[in-house]
Amino acid sequence: RVSYTCGECEYFYEHPAGVPQVAAILNRPGTPRSLGVLQFGGEYI
């Protein structure tokens, strides 16, 4: 279950997604990592 926000229009989404799909977004060059905190299971990153 992934929750995400569009940084352009600020819409929020939450739904089931495939692990490869989520990894593709997270591993994209230039992905903003310092904009916030990622909650992954019981961890905050």
PDB file of all heavy atoms in Angstrom:
ATOM      1  N   ARG A   1       0.882  -1.169   0.000  1.00  0.00           N
ATOM      2  CA  ARG A   1       0.000   0.000   0.000  1.00  0.00           C
ATOM      3  C   ARG A   1       0.913   1.209   0.000  1.00  0.00           C
ATOM      4  O   ARG A   1       1.743   1.372   0.882  1.00  0.00           O
ATOM      5  CB  ARG A   1      -0.910   0.020   1.219  1.00  0.00           C
ATOM      6  CG  ARG A   1      -1.750   1.298   1.286  1.00  0.00           C
ATOM      7  CD  ARG A   1      -2.957   1.182   2.178  1.00  0.00           C
ATOM      8  NE  ARG A   1      -3.907   0.199   1.719  1.00  0.00           N
ATOM      9  CZ  ARG A   1      -4.762   0.370   0.700  1.00  0.00           C
ATOM     10  NH1 ARG A   1      -4.761   1.477   0.025  1.00  0.00           N
ATOM     11  NH2 ARG A   1      -5.591  -0.578   0.358  1.00  0.00           N
ATOM     12  N   VAL A   2       0.766   2.055  -1.001  1.00  0.00           N
ATOM     13  CA  VAL A   2       1.636   3.213  -1.155  1.00  0.00           C
ATOM     14  C   VAL A   2       0.807   4.493  -1.054  1.00  0.00           C
ATOM     15  O   VAL A   2      -0.314   4.556  -1.545  1.00  0.00           O
ATOM     16  CB  VAL A   2       2.425   3.156  -2.491  1.00  0.00           C
ATOM     17  CG1 VAL A   2       1.489   3.182  -3.677  1.00  0.00           C
ATOM     18  CG2 VAL A   2       3.430   4.273  -2.598  1.00  0.00           C
ATOM     19  N   SER A   3       1.353   5.478  -0.352  1.00  0.00           N
ATOM     20  CA  SER A   3       0.751   6.815  -0.273  1.00  0.00           C
ATOM     21  C   SER A   3       1.725   7.775  -0.925  1.00  0.00           C
ATOM     22  O   SER A   3       2.926   7.724  -0.646  1.00  0.00           O
ATOM     23  CB  SER A   3       0.537   7.236   1.181  1.00  0.00           C
ATOM     24  OG  SER A   3      -0.296   6.317   1.839  1.00  0.00           O
ATOM     25  N   TYR A   4       1.210   8.646  -1.774  1.00  0.00           N
ATOM     26  CA  TYR A   4       2.099   9.589  -2.448  1.00  0.00           C
ATOM     27  C   TYR A   4       1.366  10.878  -2.779  1.00  0.00           C
ATOM     28  O   TYR A   4       0.139  10.928  -2.807  1.00  0.00           O
ATOM     29  CB  TYR A   4       2.717   8.973  -3.708  1.00  0.00           C
ATOM     30  CG  TYR A   4       1.736   8.458  -4.732  1.00  0.00           C
ATOM     31  CD1 TYR A   4       1.373   9.243  -5.828  1.00  0.00           C
ATOM     32  CD2 TYR A   4       1.195   7.188  -4.637  1.00  0.00           C
ATOM     33  CE1 TYR A   4       0.487   8.770  -6.774  1.00  0.00           C
ATOM     34  CE2 TYR A   4       0.316   6.712  -5.578  1.00  0.00           C
ATOM     35  CZ  TYR A   4      -0.044   7.501  -6.655  1.00  0.00           C
ATOM     36  OH  TYR A   4      -0.925   7.030  -7.588  1.00  0.00           O
ATOM     37  N   THR A   5       2.148  11.912  -3.013  1.00  0.00           N
ATOM     38  CA  THR A   5       1.638  13.238  -3.329  1.00  0.00           C
ATOM     39  C   THR A   5       2.267  13.695  -4.636  1.00  0.00           C
ATOM     40  O   THR A   5       3.435  13.405  -4.896  1.00  0.00           O
ATOM     41  CB  THR A   5       2.004  14.235  -2.219  1.00  0.00           C
ATOM     42  OG1 THR A   5       1.516  13.739  -0.976  1.00  0.00           O
ATOM     43  CG2 THR A   5       1.425  15.605  -2.476  1.00  0.00           C
ATOM     44  N   CYS A   6       1.514  14.423  -5.420  1.00  0.00           N
ATOM     45  CA  CYS A   6       2.076  15.052  -6.607  1.00  0.00           C
ATOM     46  C   CYS A   6       2.671  16.385  -6.167  1.00  0.00           C
ATOM     47  O   CYS A   6       1.973  17.231  -5.604  1.00  0.00           O
ATOM     48  CB  CYS A   6       1.010  15.275  -7.673  1.00  0.00           C
ATOM     49  SG  CYS A   6       1.643  16.158  -9.119  1.00  0.00           S
ATOM     50  N   GLY A   7       3.959  16.561  -6.380  1.00  0.00           N
ATOM     51  CA  GLY A   7       4.636  17.784  -5.984  1.00  0.00           C
ATOM     52  C   GLY A   7       4.230  18.986  -6.809  1.00  0.00           C
ATOM     53  O   GLY A   7       4.457  20.135  -6.403  1.00  0.00           O
ATOM     54  N   GLU A   8       3.599  18.774  -7.940  1.00  0.00           N
ATOM     55  CA  GLU A   8       3.184  19.872  -8.821  1.00  0.00           C
ATOM     56  C   GLU A   8       1.814  20.419  -8.422  1.00  0.00           C
ATOM     57  O   GLU A   8       1.645  21.606  -8.231  1.00  0.00           O
ATOM     58  CB  GLU A   8       3.172  19.388 -10.270  1.00  0.00           C
ATOM     59  CG  GLU A   8       2.884  20.461 -11.279  1.00  0.00           C
ATOM     60  CD  GLU A   8       4.018  21.452 -11.444  1.00  0.00           C
ATOM     61  OE1 GLU A   8       5.132  21.220 -10.956  1.00  0.00           O
ATOM     62  OE2 GLU A   8       3.767  22.490 -12.083  1.00  0.00           O
ATOM     63  N   CYS A   9       0.825  19.537  -8.303  1.00  0.00           N
ATOM     64  CA  CYS A   9      -0.545  20.008  -8.020  1.00  0.00           C
ATOM     65  C   CYS A   9      -0.997  19.687  -6.593  1.00  0.00           C
ATOM     66  O   CYS A   9      -2.080  20.071  -6.192  1.00  0.00           O
ATOM     67  CB  CYS A   9      -1.521  19.401  -9.016  1.00  0.00           C
ATOM     68  SG  CYS A   9      -1.707  17.615  -8.873  1.00  0.00           S
ATOM     69  N   GLU A  10      -0.179  18.949  -5.839  1.00  0.00           N
ATOM     70  CA  GLU A  10      -0.413  18.620  -4.433  1.00  0.00           C
ATOM     71  C   GLU A  10      -1.591  17.678  -4.195  1.00  0.00           C
ATOM     72  O   GLU A  10      -2.122  17.619  -3.103  1.00  0.00           O
ATOM     73  CB  GLU A  10      -0.545  19.887  -3.592  1.00  0.00           C
ATOM     74  CG  GLU A  10       0.707  20.740  -3.636  1.00  0.00           C
ATOM     75  CD  GLU A  10       0.645  21.961  -2.744  1.00  0.00           C
ATOM     76  OE1 GLU A  10      -0.362  22.148  -2.029  1.00  0.00           O
ATOM     77  OE2 GLU A  10       1.601  22.732  -2.783  1.00  0.00           O
ATOM     78  N   TYR A  11      -2.003  16.919  -5.213  1.00  0.00           N
ATOM     79  CA  TYR A  11      -3.017  15.894  -5.015  1.00  0.00           C
ATOM     80  C   TYR A  11      -2.373  14.744  -4.240  1.00  0.00           C
ATOM     81  O   TYR A  11      -1.202  14.447  -4.407  1.00  0.00           O
ATOM     82  CB  TYR A  11      -3.544  15.384  -6.358  1.00  0.00           C
ATOM     83  CG  TYR A  11      -4.727  16.161  -6.882  1.00  0.00           C
ATOM     84  CD1 TYR A  11      -4.675  17.535  -7.026  1.00  0.00           C
ATOM     85  CD2 TYR A  11      -5.895  15.501  -7.241  1.00  0.00           C
ATOM     86  CE1 TYR A  11      -5.759  18.239  -7.509  1.00  0.00           C
ATOM     87  CE2 TYR A  11      -6.983  16.206  -7.732  1.00  0.00           C
ATOM     88  CZ  TYR A  11      -6.910  17.573  -7.856  1.00  0.00           C
ATOM     89  OH  TYR A  11      -7.980  18.268  -8.338  1.00  0.00           O
ATOM     90  N   PHE A  12      -3.173  14.073  -3.400  1.00  0.00           N
ATOM     91  CA  PHE A  12      -2.702  12.959  -2.581  1.00  0.00           C
ATOM     92  C   PHE A  12      -3.394  11.687  -3.048  1.00  0.00           C
ATOM     93  O   PHE A  12      -4.589  11.696  -3.365  1.00  0.00           O
ATOM     94  CB  PHE A  12      -3.027  13.223  -1.101  1.00  0.00           C
ATOM     95  CG  PHE A  12      -2.669  12.079  -0.203  1.00  0.00           C
ATOM     96  CD1 PHE A  12      -1.364  11.890   0.220  1.00  0.00           C
ATOM     97  CD2 PHE A  12      -3.634  11.173   0.220  1.00  0.00           C
ATOM     98  CE1 PHE A  12      -1.025  10.837   1.049  1.00  0.00           C
ATOM     99  CE2 PHE A  12      -3.310  10.114   1.048  1.00  0.00           C
ATOM    100  CZ  PHE A  12      -1.999   9.952   1.457  1.00  0.00           C
ATOM    101  N   TYR A  13      -2.652  10.581  -3.059  1.00  0.00           N
ATOM    102  CA  TYR A  13      -3.186   9.287  -3.481  1.00  0.00           C
ATOM    103  C   TYR A  13      -2.722   8.205  -2.513  1.00  0.00           C
ATOM    104  O   TYR A  13      -1.653   8.306  -1.922  1.00  0.00           O
ATOM    105  CB  TYR A  13      -2.668   8.910  -4.882  1.00  0.00           C
ATOM    106  CG  TYR A  13      -3.002   9.933  -5.937  1.00  0.00           C
ATOM    107  CD1 TYR A  13      -2.126  10.986  -6.199  1.00  0.00           C
ATOM    108  CD2 TYR A  13      -4.179   9.850  -6.656  1.00  0.00           C
ATOM    109  CE1 TYR A  13      -2.425  11.933  -7.163  1.00  0.00           C
ATOM    110  CE2 TYR A  13      -4.488  10.789  -7.632  1.00  0.00           C
ATOM    111  CZ  TYR A  13      -3.606  11.828  -7.882  1.00  0.00           C
ATOM    112  OH  TYR A  13      -3.908  12.757  -8.840  1.00  0.00           O
ATOM    113  N   GLU A  14      -3.546   7.161  -2.382  1.00  0.00           N
ATOM    114  CA  GLU A  14      -3.167   5.988  -1.598  1.00  0.00           C
ATOM    115  C   GLU A  14      -3.875   4.787  -2.195  1.00  0.00           C
ATOM    116  O   GLU A  14      -5.101   4.820  -2.372  1.00  0.00           O
ATOM    117  CB  GLU A  14      -3.563   6.155  -0.132  1.00  0.00           C
ATOM    118  CG  GLU A  14      -3.186   4.938   0.699  1.00  0.00           C
ATOM    119  CD  GLU A  14      -3.551   5.103   2.150  1.00  0.00           C
ATOM    120  OE1 GLU A  14      -4.718   4.807   2.494  1.00  0.00           O
ATOM    121  OE2 GLU A  14      -2.680   5.519   2.919  1.00  0.00           O
ATOM    122  N   HIS A  15      -3.104   3.740  -2.526  1.00  0.00           N
ATOM    123  CA  HIS A  15      -3.681   2.538  -3.105  1.00  0.00           C
ATOM    124  C   HIS A  15      -2.626   1.434  -3.167  1.00  0.00           C
ATOM    125  O   HIS A  15      -1.439   1.700  -2.980  1.00  0.00           O
ATOM    126  CB  HIS A  15      -4.238   2.818  -4.500  1.00  0.00           C
ATOM    127  CG  HIS A  15      -3.227   3.373  -5.456  1.00  0.00           C
ATOM    128  ND1 HIS A  15      -2.278   2.610  -6.084  1.00  0.00           N
ATOM    129  CD2 HIS A  15      -3.018   4.644  -5.872  1.00  0.00           C
ATOM    130  CE1 HIS A  15      -1.539   3.364  -6.867  1.00  0.00           C
ATOM    131  NE2 HIS A  15      -1.961   4.622  -6.753  1.00  0.00           N
ATOM    132  N   PRO A  16      -3.051   0.194  -3.457  1.00  0.00           N
ATOM    133  CA  PRO A  16      -2.082  -0.891  -3.652  1.00  0.00           C
ATOM    134  C   PRO A  16      -1.295  -0.670  -4.944  1.00  0.00           C
ATOM    135  O   PRO A  16      -1.837  -0.174  -5.930  1.00  0.00           O
ATOM    136  CB  PRO A  16      -2.953  -2.146  -3.767  1.00  0.00           C
ATOM    137  CG  PRO A  16      -4.277  -1.761  -3.210  1.00  0.00           C
ATOM    138  CD  PRO A  16      -4.432  -0.295  -3.456  1.00  0.00           C
ATOM    139  N   ALA A  17      -0.026  -1.034  -4.906  1.00  0.00           N
ATOM    140  CA  ALA A  17       0.825  -0.921  -6.092  1.00  0.00           C
ATOM    141  C   ALA A  17       1.879  -2.011  -6.048  1.00  0.00           C
ATOM    142  O   ALA A  17       2.218  -2.523  -4.982  1.00  0.00           O
ATOM    143  CB  ALA A  17       1.493   0.445  -6.144  1.00  0.00           C
ATOM    144  N   GLY A  18       2.398  -2.340  -7.198  1.00  0.00           N
ATOM    145  CA  GLY A  18       3.461  -3.327  -7.291  1.00  0.00           C
ATOM    146  C   GLY A  18       4.774  -2.762  -6.780  1.00  0.00           C
ATOM    147  O   GLY A  18       5.070  -1.581  -6.976  1.00  0.00           O
ATOM    148  N   VAL A  19       5.558  -3.599  -6.113  1.00  0.00           N
ATOM    149  CA  VAL A  19       6.860  -3.174  -5.587  1.00  0.00           C
ATOM    150  C   VAL A  19       7.741  -2.600  -6.696  1.00  0.00           C
ATOM    151  O   VAL A  19       8.362  -1.556  -6.499  1.00  0.00           O
ATOM    152  CB  VAL A  19       7.548  -4.342  -4.837  1.00  0.00           C
ATOM    153  CG1 VAL A  19       8.979  -3.999  -4.484  1.00  0.00           C
ATOM    154  CG2 VAL A  19       6.749  -4.709  -3.592  1.00  0.00           C
ATOM    155  N   PRO A  20       7.805  -3.220  -7.888  1.00  0.00           N
ATOM    156  CA  PRO A  20       8.635  -2.631  -8.947  1.00  0.00           C
ATOM    157  C   PRO A  20       8.196  -1.226  -9.354  1.00  0.00           C
ATOM    158  O   PRO A  20       9.022  -0.381  -9.679  1.00  0.00           O
ATOM    159  CB  PRO A  20       8.477  -3.610 -10.116  1.00  0.00           C
ATOM    160  CG  PRO A  20       8.091  -4.899  -9.482  1.00  0.00           C
ATOM    161  CD  PRO A  20       7.268  -4.516  -8.290  1.00  0.00           C
ATOM    162  N   GLN A  21       6.883  -0.957  -9.306  1.00  0.00           N
ATOM    163  CA  GLN A  21       6.380   0.373  -9.651  1.00  0.00           C
ATOM    164  C   GLN A  21       6.862   1.414  -8.649  1.00  0.00           C
ATOM    165  O   GLN A  21       7.292   2.507  -9.022  1.00  0.00           O
ATOM    166  CB  GLN A  21       4.852   0.385  -9.665  1.00  0.00           C
ATOM    167  CG  GLN A  21       4.234  -0.521 -10.680  1.00  0.00           C
ATOM    168  CD  GLN A  21       2.750  -0.695 -10.428  1.00  0.00           C
ATOM    169  OE1 GLN A  21       2.256  -0.493  -9.322  1.00  0.00           O
ATOM    170  NE2 GLN A  21       2.037  -1.063 -11.473  1.00  0.00           N
ATOM    171  N   VAL A  22       6.770   1.084  -7.369  1.00  0.00           N
ATOM    172  CA  VAL A  22       7.192   2.009  -6.318  1.00  0.00           C
ATOM    173  C   VAL A  22       8.703   2.220  -6.390  1.00  0.00           C
ATOM    174  O   VAL A  22       9.186   3.350  -6.300  1.00  0.00           O
ATOM    175  CB  VAL A  22       6.779   1.492  -4.922  1.00  0.00           C
ATOM    176  CG1 VAL A  22       7.254   2.427  -3.835  1.00  0.00           C
ATOM    177  CG2 VAL A  22       5.259   1.318  -4.852  1.00  0.00           C
ATOM    178  N   ALA A  23       9.440   1.143  -6.591  1.00  0.00           N
ATOM    179  CA  ALA A  23      10.902   1.247  -6.686  1.00  0.00           C
ATOM    180  C   ALA A  23      11.313   2.119  -7.865  1.00  0.00           C
ATOM    181  O   ALA A  23      12.272   2.894  -7.769  1.00  0.00           O
ATOM    182  CB  ALA A  23      11.515  -0.136  -6.808  1.00  0.00           C
ATOM    183  N   ALA A  24      10.586   2.034  -8.976  1.00  0.00           N
ATOM    184  CA  ALA A  24      10.917   2.847 -10.145  1.00  0.00           C
ATOM    185  C   ALA A  24      10.785   4.335  -9.828  1.00  0.00           C
ATOM    186  O   ALA A  24      11.602   5.145 -10.268  1.00  0.00           O
ATOM    187  CB  ALA A  24      10.011   2.467 -11.317  1.00  0.00           C
ATOM    188  N   ILE A  25       9.780   4.712  -9.040  1.00  0.00           N
ATOM    189  CA  ILE A  25       9.609   6.118  -8.660  1.00  0.00           C
ATOM    190  C   ILE A  25      10.700   6.530  -7.674  1.00  0.00           C
ATOM    191  O   ILE A  25      11.325   7.582  -7.827  1.00  0.00           O
ATOM    192  CB  ILE A  25       8.212   6.356  -8.031  1.00  0.00           C
ATOM    193  CG1 ILE A  25       7.104   6.038  -9.028  1.00  0.00           C
ATOM    194  CG2 ILE A  25       8.088   7.772  -7.482  1.00  0.00           C
ATOM    195  CD1 ILE A  25       7.026   6.929 -10.235  1.00  0.00           C
ATOM    196  N   LEU A  26      10.969   5.694  -6.670  1.00  0.00           N
ATOM    197  CA  LEU A  26      11.962   6.039  -5.653  1.00  0.00           C
ATOM    198  C   LEU A  26      13.386   6.090  -6.211  1.00  0.00           C
ATOM    199  O   LEU A  26      14.208   6.879  -5.738  1.00  0.00           O
ATOM    200  CB  LEU A  26      11.917   5.036  -4.498  1.00  0.00           C
ATOM    201  CG  LEU A  26      10.703   5.123  -3.588  1.00  0.00           C
ATOM    202  CD1 LEU A  26      10.709   3.969  -2.600  1.00  0.00           C
ATOM    203  CD2 LEU A  26      10.658   6.452  -2.861  1.00  0.00           C
ATOM    204  N   ASN A  27      13.679   5.260  -7.195  1.00  0.00           N
ATOM    205  CA  ASN A  27      15.035   5.189  -7.743  1.00  0.00           C
ATOM    206  C   ASN A  27      15.268   6.099  -8.935  1.00  0.00           C
ATOM    207  O   ASN A  27      16.351   6.096  -9.507  1.00  0.00           O
ATOM    208  CB  ASN A  27      15.360   3.741  -8.145  1.00  0.00           C
ATOM    209  CG  ASN A  27      15.487   2.856  -6.933  1.00  0.00           C
ATOM    210  OD1 ASN A  27      15.950   3.290  -5.890  1.00  0.00           O
ATOM    211  ND2 ASN A  27      15.053   1.620  -7.069  1.00  0.00           N
ATOM    212  N   ARG A  28      14.277   6.876  -9.291  1.00  0.00           N
ATOM    213  CA  ARG A  28      14.414   7.773 -10.436  1.00  0.00           C
ATOM    214  C   ARG A  28      15.455   8.848 -10.135  1.00  0.00           C
ATOM    215  O   ARG A  28      15.444   9.435  -9.049  1.00  0.00           O
ATOM    216  CB  ARG A  28      13.061   8.416 -10.708  1.00  0.00           C
ATOM    217  CG  ARG A  28      13.033   9.321 -11.907  1.00  0.00           C
ATOM    218  CD  ARG A  28      11.673   9.921 -12.114  1.00  0.00           C
ATOM    219  NE  ARG A  28      10.741   8.854 -12.473  1.00  0.00           N
ATOM    220  CZ  ARG A  28       9.429   8.944 -12.317  1.00  0.00           C
ATOM    221  NH1 ARG A  28       8.899  10.018 -11.803  1.00  0.00           N
ATOM    222  NH2 ARG A  28       8.656   7.963 -12.669  1.00  0.00           N
ATOM    223  N   PRO A  29      16.376   9.103 -11.079  1.00  0.00           N
ATOM    224  CA  PRO A  29      17.361  10.178 -10.859  1.00  0.00           C
ATOM    225  C   PRO A  29      16.657  11.513 -10.627  1.00  0.00           C
ATOM    226  O   PRO A  29      15.678  11.829 -11.293  1.00  0.00           O
ATOM    227  CB  PRO A  29      18.157  10.218 -12.168  1.00  0.00           C
ATOM    228  CG  PRO A  29      17.947   8.883 -12.793  1.00  0.00           C
ATOM    229  CD  PRO A  29      16.574   8.427 -12.365  1.00  0.00           C
ATOM    230  N   GLY A  30      17.153  12.253  -9.642  1.00  0.00           N
ATOM    231  CA  GLY A  30      16.583  13.559  -9.341  1.00  0.00           C
ATOM    232  C   GLY A  30      15.350  13.520  -8.462  1.00  0.00           C
ATOM    233  O   GLY A  30      14.722  14.539  -8.234  1.00  0.00           O
ATOM    234  N   THR A  31      14.988  12.340  -7.946  1.00  0.00           N
ATOM    235  CA  THR A  31      13.831  12.247  -7.057  1.00  0.00           C
ATOM    236  C   THR A  31      14.124  13.008  -5.777  1.00  0.00           C
ATOM    237  O   THR A  31      15.143  12.782  -5.136  1.00  0.00           O
ATOM    238  CB  THR A  31      13.501  10.778  -6.719  1.00  0.00           C
ATOM    239  OG1 THR A  31      13.181  10.093  -7.922  1.00  0.00           O
ATOM    240  CG2 THR A  31      12.334  10.677  -5.757  1.00  0.00           C
ATOM    241  N   PRO A  32      13.255  13.952  -5.390  1.00  0.00           N
ATOM    242  CA  PRO A  32      13.509  14.718  -4.171  1.00  0.00           C
ATOM    243  C   PRO A  32      13.402  13.850  -2.933  1.00  0.00           C
ATOM    244  O   PRO A  32      12.348  13.328  -2.642  1.00  0.00           O
ATOM    245  CB  PRO A  32      12.419  15.799  -4.186  1.00  0.00           C
ATOM    246  CG  PRO A  32      11.358  15.276  -5.086  1.00  0.00           C
ATOM    247  CD  PRO A  32      12.009  14.329  -6.039  1.00  0.00           C
ATOM    248  N   ARG A  33      14.485  13.637  -2.232  1.00  0.00           N
ATOM    249  CA  ARG A  33      14.486  12.819  -1.023  1.00  0.00           C
ATOM    250  C   ARG A  33      14.434  13.682   0.237  1.00  0.00           C
ATOM    251  O   ARG A  33      14.093  13.205   1.288  1.00  0.00           O
ATOM    252  CB  ARG A  33      15.734  11.942  -0.986  1.00  0.00           C
ATOM    253  CG  ARG A  33      15.818  10.964  -2.129  1.00  0.00           C
ATOM    254  CD  ARG A  33      16.804   9.878  -1.830  1.00  0.00           C
ATOM    255  NE  ARG A  33      17.218   9.076  -2.932  1.00  0.00           N
ATOM    256  CZ  ARG A  33      16.459   8.338  -3.715  1.00  0.00           C
ATOM    257  NH1 ARG A  33      15.182   8.351  -3.547  1.00  0.00           N
ATOM    258  NH2 ARG A  33      16.956   7.612  -4.682  1.00  0.00           N
ATOM    259  N   SER A  34      14.826  14.936   0.140  1.00  0.00           N
ATOM    260  CA  SER A  34      14.907  15.771   1.329  1.00  0.00           C
ATOM    261  C   SER A  34      13.628  16.557   1.584  1.00  0.00           C
ATOM    262  O   SER A  34      13.594  17.389   2.461  1.00  0.00           O
ATOM    263  CB  SER A  34      16.080  16.746   1.196  1.00  0.00           C
ATOM    264  OG  SER A  34      15.869  17.579   0.074  1.00  0.00           O
ATOM    265  N   LEU A  35      12.565  16.301   0.795  1.00  0.00           N
ATOM    266  CA  LEU A  35      11.328  17.043   0.985  1.00  0.00           C
ATOM    267  C   LEU A  35      10.556  16.592   2.215  1.00  0.00           C
ATOM    268  O   LEU A  35       9.696  17.300   2.689  1.00  0.00           O
ATOM    269  CB  LEU A  35      10.439  16.908  -0.251  1.00  0.00           C
ATOM    270  CG  LEU A  35      10.932  17.624  -1.487  1.00  0.00           C
ATOM    271  CD1 LEU A  35       9.982  17.373  -2.642  1.00  0.00           C
ATOM    272  CD2 LEU A  35      11.066  19.105  -1.235  1.00  0.00           C
ATOM    273  N   GLY A  36      10.833  15.403   2.703  1.00  0.00           N
ATOM    274  CA  GLY A  36      10.071  14.936   3.834  1.00  0.00           C
ATOM    275  C   GLY A  36      10.616  13.643   4.386  1.00  0.00           C
ATOM    276  O   GLY A  36      11.758  13.275   4.157  1.00  0.00           O
ATOM    277  N   VAL A  37       9.754  12.957   5.094  1.00  0.00           N
ATOM    278  CA  VAL A  37      10.102  11.705   5.743  1.00  0.00           C
ATOM    279  C   VAL A  37       9.276  10.611   5.094  1.00  0.00           C
ATOM    280  O   VAL A  37       8.070  10.744   4.928  1.00  0.00           O
ATOM    281  CB  VAL A  37       9.803  11.783   7.253  1.00  0.00           C
ATOM    282  CG1 VAL A  37      10.039  10.459   7.918  1.00  0.00           C
ATOM    283  CG2 VAL A  37      10.634  12.873   7.894  1.00  0.00           C
ATOM    284  N   LEU A  38       9.928   9.528   4.721  1.00  0.00           N
ATOM    285  CA  LEU A  38       9.250   8.376   4.153  1.00  0.00           C
ATOM    286  C   LEU A  38       8.974   7.390   5.271  1.00  0.00           C
ATOM    287  O   LEU A  38       9.884   7.030   6.016  1.00  0.00           O
ATOM    288  CB  LEU A  38      10.123   7.719   3.082  1.00  0.00           C
ATOM    289  CG  LEU A  38       9.634   6.374   2.535  1.00  0.00           C
ATOM    290  CD1 LEU A  38       8.319   6.558   1.779  1.00  0.00           C
ATOM    291  CD2 LEU A  38      10.687   5.754   1.636  1.00  0.00           C
ATOM    292  N   GLN A  39       7.717   6.989   5.415  1.00  0.00           N
ATOM    293  CA  GLN A  39       7.377   5.952   6.382  1.00  0.00           C
ATOM    294  C   GLN A  39       7.354   4.634   5.642  1.00  0.00           C
ATOM    295  O   GLN A  39       6.620   4.463   4.672  1.00  0.00           O
ATOM    296  CB  GLN A  39       6.020   6.223   7.008  1.00  0.00           C
ATOM    297  CG  GLN A  39       5.638   5.170   8.016  1.00  0.00           C
ATOM    298  CD  GLN A  39       4.233   5.338   8.532  1.00  0.00           C
ATOM    299  OE1 GLN A  39       3.515   6.243   8.149  1.00  0.00           O
ATOM    300  NE2 GLN A  39       3.840   4.449   9.403  1.00  0.00           N
ATOM    301  N   PHE A  40       8.205   3.719   6.057  1.00  0.00           N
ATOM    302  CA  PHE A  40       8.309   2.411   5.418  1.00  0.00           C
ATOM    303  C   PHE A  40       8.108   1.368   6.493  1.00  0.00           C
ATOM    304  O   PHE A  40       9.003   1.122   7.295  1.00  0.00           O
ATOM    305  CB  PHE A  40       9.673   2.252   4.734  1.00  0.00           C
ATOM    306  CG  PHE A  40       9.806   0.986   3.957  1.00  0.00           C
ATOM    307  CD1 PHE A  40       9.146   0.831   2.753  1.00  0.00           C
ATOM    308  CD2 PHE A  40      10.582  -0.059   4.432  1.00  0.00           C
ATOM    309  CE1 PHE A  40       9.265  -0.340   2.020  1.00  0.00           C
ATOM    310  CE2 PHE A  40      10.705  -1.234   3.709  1.00  0.00           C
ATOM    311  CZ  PHE A  40      10.044  -1.375   2.499  1.00  0.00           C
ATOM    312  N   GLY A  41       6.907   0.784   6.531  1.00  0.00           N
ATOM    313  CA  GLY A  41       6.577  -0.144   7.610  1.00  0.00           C
ATOM    314  C   GLY A  41       6.604   0.604   8.930  1.00  0.00           C
ATOM    315  O   GLY A  41       6.013   1.644   9.074  1.00  0.00           O
ATOM    316  N   GLY A  42       7.368   0.119   9.891  1.00  0.00           N
ATOM    317  CA  GLY A  42       7.480   0.781  11.187  1.00  0.00           C
ATOM    318  C   GLY A  42       8.634   1.765  11.266  1.00  0.00           C
ATOM    319  O   GLY A  42       8.882   2.342  12.315  1.00  0.00           O
ATOM    320  N   GLU A  43       9.351   1.960  10.170  1.00  0.00           N
ATOM    321  CA  GLU A  43      10.517   2.842  10.151  1.00  0.00           C
ATOM    322  C   GLU A  43      10.177   4.187   9.518  1.00  0.00           C
ATOM    323  O   GLU A  43       9.321   4.275   8.650  1.00  0.00           O
ATOM    324  CB  GLU A  43      11.661   2.208   9.346  1.00  0.00           C
ATOM    325  CG  GLU A  43      12.173   0.914   9.903  1.00  0.00           C
ATOM    326  CD  GLU A  43      12.951   1.081  11.190  1.00  0.00           C
ATOM    327  OE1 GLU A  43      13.556   2.143  11.395  1.00  0.00           O
ATOM    328  OE2 GLU A  43      12.952   0.140  11.993  1.00  0.00           O
ATOM    329  N   TYR A  44      10.874   5.220   9.957  1.00  0.00           N
ATOM    330  CA  TYR A  44      10.798   6.534   9.346  1.00  0.00           C
ATOM    331  C   TYR A  44      12.162   6.812   8.727  1.00  0.00           C
ATOM    332  O   TYR A  44      13.182   6.662   9.388  1.00  0.00           O
ATOM    333  CB  TYR A  44      10.446   7.595  10.382  1.00  0.00           C
ATOM    334  CG  TYR A  44       9.044   7.447  10.900  1.00  0.00           C
ATOM    335  CD1 TYR A  44       8.753   6.589  11.956  1.00  0.00           C
ATOM    336  CD2 TYR A  44       7.995   8.138  10.306  1.00  0.00           C
ATOM    337  CE1 TYR A  44       7.458   6.444  12.425  1.00  0.00           C
ATOM    338  CE2 TYR A  44       6.699   7.989  10.771  1.00  0.00           C
ATOM    339  CZ  TYR A  44       6.435   7.146  11.825  1.00  0.00           C
ATOM    340  OH  TYR A  44       5.160   6.992  12.286  1.00  0.00           O
ATOM    341  N   ILE A  45      12.169   7.191   7.449  1.00  0.00           N
ATOM    342  CA  ILE A  45      13.419   7.358   6.722  1.00  0.00           C
ATOM    343  C   ILE A  45      13.551   8.797   6.252  1.00  0.00           C
ATOM    344  O   ILE A  45      12.643   9.354   5.634  1.00  0.00           O
ATOM    345  CB  ILE A  45      13.474   6.394   5.519  1.00  0.00           C
ATOM    346  CG1 ILE A  45      13.366   4.954   6.023  1.00  0.00           C
ATOM    347  CG2 ILE A  45      14.732   6.611   4.699  1.00  0.00           C
ATOM    348  CD1 ILE A  45      13.210   3.921   4.946  1.00  0.00           C
TER     349      ILE A  45
END
